[in-house]
């Protein structure tokens, strides 16, 4: 059993504002306005080889992903209407995904996801996107145990 195992609820007070990143990524206005109202619940189960993450929001359909820690098997998801694809490794106690986000006008944009339990017991999910020639954009999502 990993420290990540369990049910996690978004702590919107401790999470970063999604608006600047979503606006820069040209996410549709209605989705940008909807984003702050979504309070996802993550249910995580890990083994030595993989993590299964079920994301429930109450607003959007639930999603279930199996992240294989081999650095080869791709995970494909949707990020506010944009496709993202990444491979996953386990680096110490951090699940790390590296790949790209596909933007309509810019094409493939480098992406990194980092999920871990912090010393205070909260789980953080950092989503880092680096558009060409720009400094990285980061969303920090903080979750507390249910």
Protein backbone atom coordinates (compact mmCIF):
# COMPACT_ATOMS: atom_id res chain seq x y z
CA UNK A 1 0.00 0.00 0.00
CA UNK A 2 1.28 3.43 -0.99
CA UNK A 3 0.77 6.75 0.79
CA UNK A 4 -1.22 7.76 -2.31
CA UNK A 5 -3.81 5.02 -1.81
CA UNK A 6 -7.21 6.24 -0.72
CA UNK A 7 -9.89 8.78 -1.50
CA UNK A 8 -8.85 12.40 -2.04
CA UNK A 9 -11.01 15.54 -2.35
CA UNK A 10 -9.80 18.75 -4.00
CA UNK A 11 -8.90 21.48 -1.51
CA UNK A 12 -9.73 24.50 -3.66
CA UNK A 13 -8.44 26.94 -1.02
CA UNK A 14 -4.92 25.53 -1.30
CA UNK A 15 -4.99 24.88 -5.06
CA UNK A 16 -3.80 27.39 -7.63
CA UNK A 17 -6.21 29.44 -9.74
CA UNK A 18 -6.86 27.63 -13.01
CA UNK A 19 -7.92 30.74 -14.96
CA UNK A 20 -4.53 32.10 -16.12
CA UNK A 21 -3.29 28.74 -17.40
CA UNK A 22 -6.57 27.79 -19.06
CA UNK A 23 -6.81 31.20 -20.70
CA UNK A 24 -3.24 30.94 -22.04
CA UNK A 25 -4.04 27.46 -23.41
CA UNK A 26 -7.08 28.97 -25.15
CA UNK A 27 -9.57 26.73 -23.36
CA UNK A 28 -13.13 27.72 -24.25
CA UNK A 29 -14.64 30.45 -22.07
CA UNK A 30 -17.46 28.26 -20.74
CA UNK A 31 -14.98 25.56 -19.62
CA UNK A 32 -12.78 28.18 -17.93
CA UNK A 33 -15.83 29.42 -15.99
CA UNK A 34 -16.87 25.87 -15.10
CA UNK A 35 -13.39 24.77 -13.92
CA UNK A 36 -13.44 26.49 -10.48
CA UNK A 37 -16.80 24.89 -9.63
CA UNK A 38 -15.61 21.31 -10.18
CA UNK A 39 -14.45 19.57 -6.98
CA UNK A 40 -12.93 16.31 -8.18
CA UNK A 41 -12.61 13.28 -5.95
CA UNK A 42 -9.68 10.97 -6.77
CA UNK A 43 -9.77 7.33 -5.68
CA UNK A 44 -6.28 5.84 -5.97
CA UNK A 45 -5.10 2.24 -5.66
CA UNK A 46 -1.44 1.43 -6.31
CA UNK A 47 0.72 -1.64 -6.74
CA UNK A 48 4.45 -1.83 -7.42
CA UNK A 49 3.77 -1.75 -11.18
CA UNK A 50 0.81 0.62 -11.59
CA UNK A 51 -1.74 3.01 -10.13
CA UNK A 52 -5.44 3.01 -10.86
CA UNK A 53 -6.99 6.45 -10.50
CA UNK A 54 -10.71 7.06 -10.69
CA UNK A 55 -11.69 10.72 -10.98
CA UNK A 56 -15.24 11.69 -10.03
CA UNK A 57 -16.48 15.26 -10.23
CA UNK A 58 -20.24 15.13 -9.88
CA UNK A 59 -20.43 17.44 -12.92
CA UNK A 60 -18.45 15.62 -15.61
CA UNK A 61 -18.49 11.88 -16.34
CA UNK A 62 -16.17 9.80 -14.12
CA UNK A 63 -12.84 8.73 -15.60
CA UNK A 64 -10.68 5.74 -14.71
CA UNK A 65 -7.01 5.49 -15.68
CA UNK A 66 -4.43 2.81 -15.18
CA UNK A 67 -0.97 4.36 -15.03
CA UNK A 68 1.74 1.78 -15.75
CA UNK A 69 5.09 2.72 -14.16
CA UNK A 70 7.20 1.46 -17.09
CA UNK A 71 7.92 4.76 -18.87
CA UNK A 72 6.58 3.20 -22.10
CA UNK A 73 2.85 2.48 -21.86
CA UNK A 74 0.98 5.66 -22.86
CA UNK A 75 -1.93 7.14 -20.95
CA UNK A 76 -4.28 9.28 -23.03
CA UNK A 77 -6.68 11.74 -21.41
CA UNK A 78 -8.65 14.91 -22.04
CA UNK A 79 -7.62 18.25 -20.52
CA UNK A 80 -10.45 20.75 -20.98
CA UNK A 81 -11.05 19.63 -24.55
CA UNK A 82 -7.39 19.08 -25.46
CA UNK A 83 -5.85 15.62 -25.77
CA UNK A 84 -2.90 14.84 -23.55
CA UNK A 85 -0.69 11.78 -23.81
CA UNK A 86 2.04 10.75 -21.39
CA UNK A 87 4.08 7.85 -20.06
CA UNK A 88 4.52 7.27 -16.35
CA UNK A 89 7.36 6.37 -14.00
CA UNK A 90 7.57 6.09 -10.24
CA UNK A 91 10.38 8.28 -8.94
CA UNK A 92 10.73 7.53 -5.24
CA UNK A 93 7.29 8.33 -3.83
CA UNK A 94 6.24 10.53 -6.76
CA UNK A 95 4.21 9.42 -9.78
CA UNK A 96 5.68 11.31 -12.73
CA UNK A 97 4.07 11.57 -16.16
CA UNK A 98 5.88 13.07 -19.13
CA UNK A 99 4.44 13.66 -22.56
CA UNK A 100 2.53 16.34 -24.41
CA UNK A 101 -0.69 18.28 -24.60
CA UNK A 102 -2.10 18.71 -28.09
CA UNK A 103 -3.25 22.29 -28.71
CA UNK A 104 -5.23 23.21 -31.79
CA UNK A 105 -2.97 26.03 -33.01
CA UNK A 106 0.35 25.13 -31.39
CA UNK A 107 0.43 21.38 -31.85
CA UNK A 108 2.29 19.26 -29.28
CA UNK A 109 3.27 21.15 -26.14
CA UNK A 110 5.54 19.46 -23.53
CA UNK A 111 3.72 18.35 -20.39
CA UNK A 112 4.78 17.01 -17.00
CA UNK A 113 2.51 15.68 -14.23
CA UNK A 114 3.77 15.09 -10.69
CA UNK A 115 1.58 13.47 -8.02
CA UNK A 116 2.80 12.88 -4.44
CA UNK A 117 1.83 13.04 -0.79
CA UNK A 118 3.47 15.97 1.00
CA UNK A 119 4.82 16.05 4.58
CA UNK A 120 1.58 17.66 5.81
CA UNK A 121 -0.43 14.67 4.48
CA UNK A 122 -1.96 16.53 1.53
CA UNK A 123 -1.59 15.13 -1.98
CA UNK A 124 -0.40 17.50 -4.66
CA UNK A 125 -0.84 17.14 -8.40
CA UNK A 126 1.33 19.53 -10.37
CA UNK A 127 0.52 19.95 -14.05
CA UNK A 128 3.33 21.71 -15.88
CA UNK A 129 2.91 22.77 -19.52
CA UNK A 130 5.66 24.52 -21.47
CA UNK A 131 4.49 26.26 -24.66
CA UNK A 132 7.26 26.88 -27.20
CA UNK A 133 9.56 29.74 -26.23
CA UNK A 134 7.68 30.46 -22.98
CA UNK A 135 8.29 29.86 -19.33
CA UNK A 136 6.46 26.82 -17.91
CA UNK A 137 2.82 27.21 -16.85
CA UNK A 138 1.94 25.32 -13.67
CA UNK A 139 -1.33 24.26 -12.10
CA UNK A 140 -1.04 23.03 -8.54
CA UNK A 141 -3.98 20.96 -7.35
CA UNK A 142 -4.02 20.10 -3.63
CA UNK A 143 -6.18 17.28 -2.27
CA UNK A 144 -7.05 16.23 1.27
CA UNK A 145 -8.01 12.75 2.41
CA UNK A 146 -11.68 11.98 2.64
